[in-house]
């Protein structure tokens, strides 16, 4: 007969838990930028959409670098 342990380890909260809403917002912003370009195809719309996506990607990168922290060896 086997003995079952009732002790359950609860994993510690990590920074990865914040990634899902961040990438969900990034997806929505990218889709809106693409829809603007499709709805009103012009050079200005393309530049604004591209700048929005690049700016948001830079913001996500900066936020994640602070969330993850420096890599220590």
Protein backbone atom coordinates (compact mmCIF):
# COMPACT_ATOMS: atom_id res chain seq x y z
CA UNK A 1 0.00 0.00 0.00
CA UNK A 2 1.33 3.46 -0.83
CA UNK A 3 1.21 6.46 1.42
CA UNK A 4 0.01 9.69 -0.11
CA UNK A 5 1.45 12.92 1.15
CA UNK A 6 -0.97 15.74 1.80
CA UNK A 7 1.75 18.37 1.58
CA UNK A 8 1.32 20.38 -1.62
CA UNK A 9 3.97 22.78 -2.70
CA UNK A 10 2.60 26.05 -3.99
CA UNK A 11 4.83 27.51 -6.68
CA UNK A 12 6.12 30.98 -6.03
CA UNK A 13 4.72 33.78 -8.13
CA UNK A 14 7.08 34.70 -10.92
CA UNK A 15 7.32 37.56 -13.36
CA UNK A 16 6.01 35.29 -16.10
CA UNK A 17 2.48 35.67 -14.77
CA UNK A 18 2.43 39.25 -16.04
CA UNK A 19 3.33 38.22 -19.59
CA UNK A 20 -0.13 37.08 -20.68
CA UNK A 21 -1.88 40.47 -20.30
CA UNK A 22 1.14 42.26 -21.77
CA UNK A 23 1.10 40.15 -24.92
CA UNK A 24 -2.70 40.31 -25.12
CA UNK A 25 -2.51 44.10 -25.18
CA UNK A 26 0.31 43.97 -27.73
CA UNK A 27 -1.81 41.75 -29.97
CA UNK A 28 -4.79 44.08 -29.78
CA UNK A 29 -2.64 47.13 -30.59
CA UNK A 30 -1.03 45.34 -33.55
CA UNK A 31 -4.43 44.29 -34.89
CA UNK A 32 -5.80 47.83 -34.57
CA UNK A 33 -2.73 49.20 -36.39
CA UNK A 34 -3.17 46.68 -39.21
CA UNK A 35 -6.90 47.47 -39.47
CA UNK A 36 -6.16 51.18 -39.76
CA UNK A 37 -3.79 50.52 -42.66
CA UNK A 38 -6.33 48.26 -44.38
CA UNK A 39 -9.21 50.72 -43.82
CA UNK A 40 -7.31 53.82 -44.91
CA UNK A 41 -4.35 52.75 -47.02
CA UNK A 42 -1.94 55.64 -47.16
CA UNK A 43 1.69 56.31 -46.42
CA UNK A 44 0.83 58.28 -43.29
CA UNK A 45 -1.33 55.44 -41.93
CA UNK A 46 1.47 52.96 -42.63
CA UNK A 47 4.08 55.12 -40.89
CA UNK A 48 1.82 55.71 -37.87
CA UNK A 49 0.95 52.01 -37.60
CA UNK A 50 4.59 50.96 -37.89
CA UNK A 51 5.69 53.56 -35.34
CA UNK A 52 2.96 52.41 -32.95
CA UNK A 53 3.97 48.76 -33.16
CA UNK A 54 7.70 49.54 -32.87
CA UNK A 55 7.11 51.89 -29.94
CA UNK A 56 4.94 49.40 -28.13
CA UNK A 57 7.52 46.63 -28.73
CA UNK A 58 10.21 48.87 -27.26
CA UNK A 59 8.01 49.57 -24.25
CA UNK A 60 7.37 45.86 -23.70
CA UNK A 61 11.09 45.14 -23.97
CA UNK A 62 11.90 47.82 -21.40
CA UNK A 63 9.16 46.59 -19.06
CA UNK A 64 10.29 42.98 -19.32
CA UNK A 65 13.91 43.88 -18.74
CA UNK A 66 12.91 45.57 -15.48
CA UNK A 67 10.62 42.68 -14.56
CA UNK A 68 13.22 40.01 -15.20
CA UNK A 69 16.15 42.02 -13.87
CA UNK A 70 19.84 41.72 -14.60
CA UNK A 71 21.28 38.34 -15.32
CA UNK A 72 23.71 37.28 -12.61
CA UNK A 73 26.26 34.53 -13.08
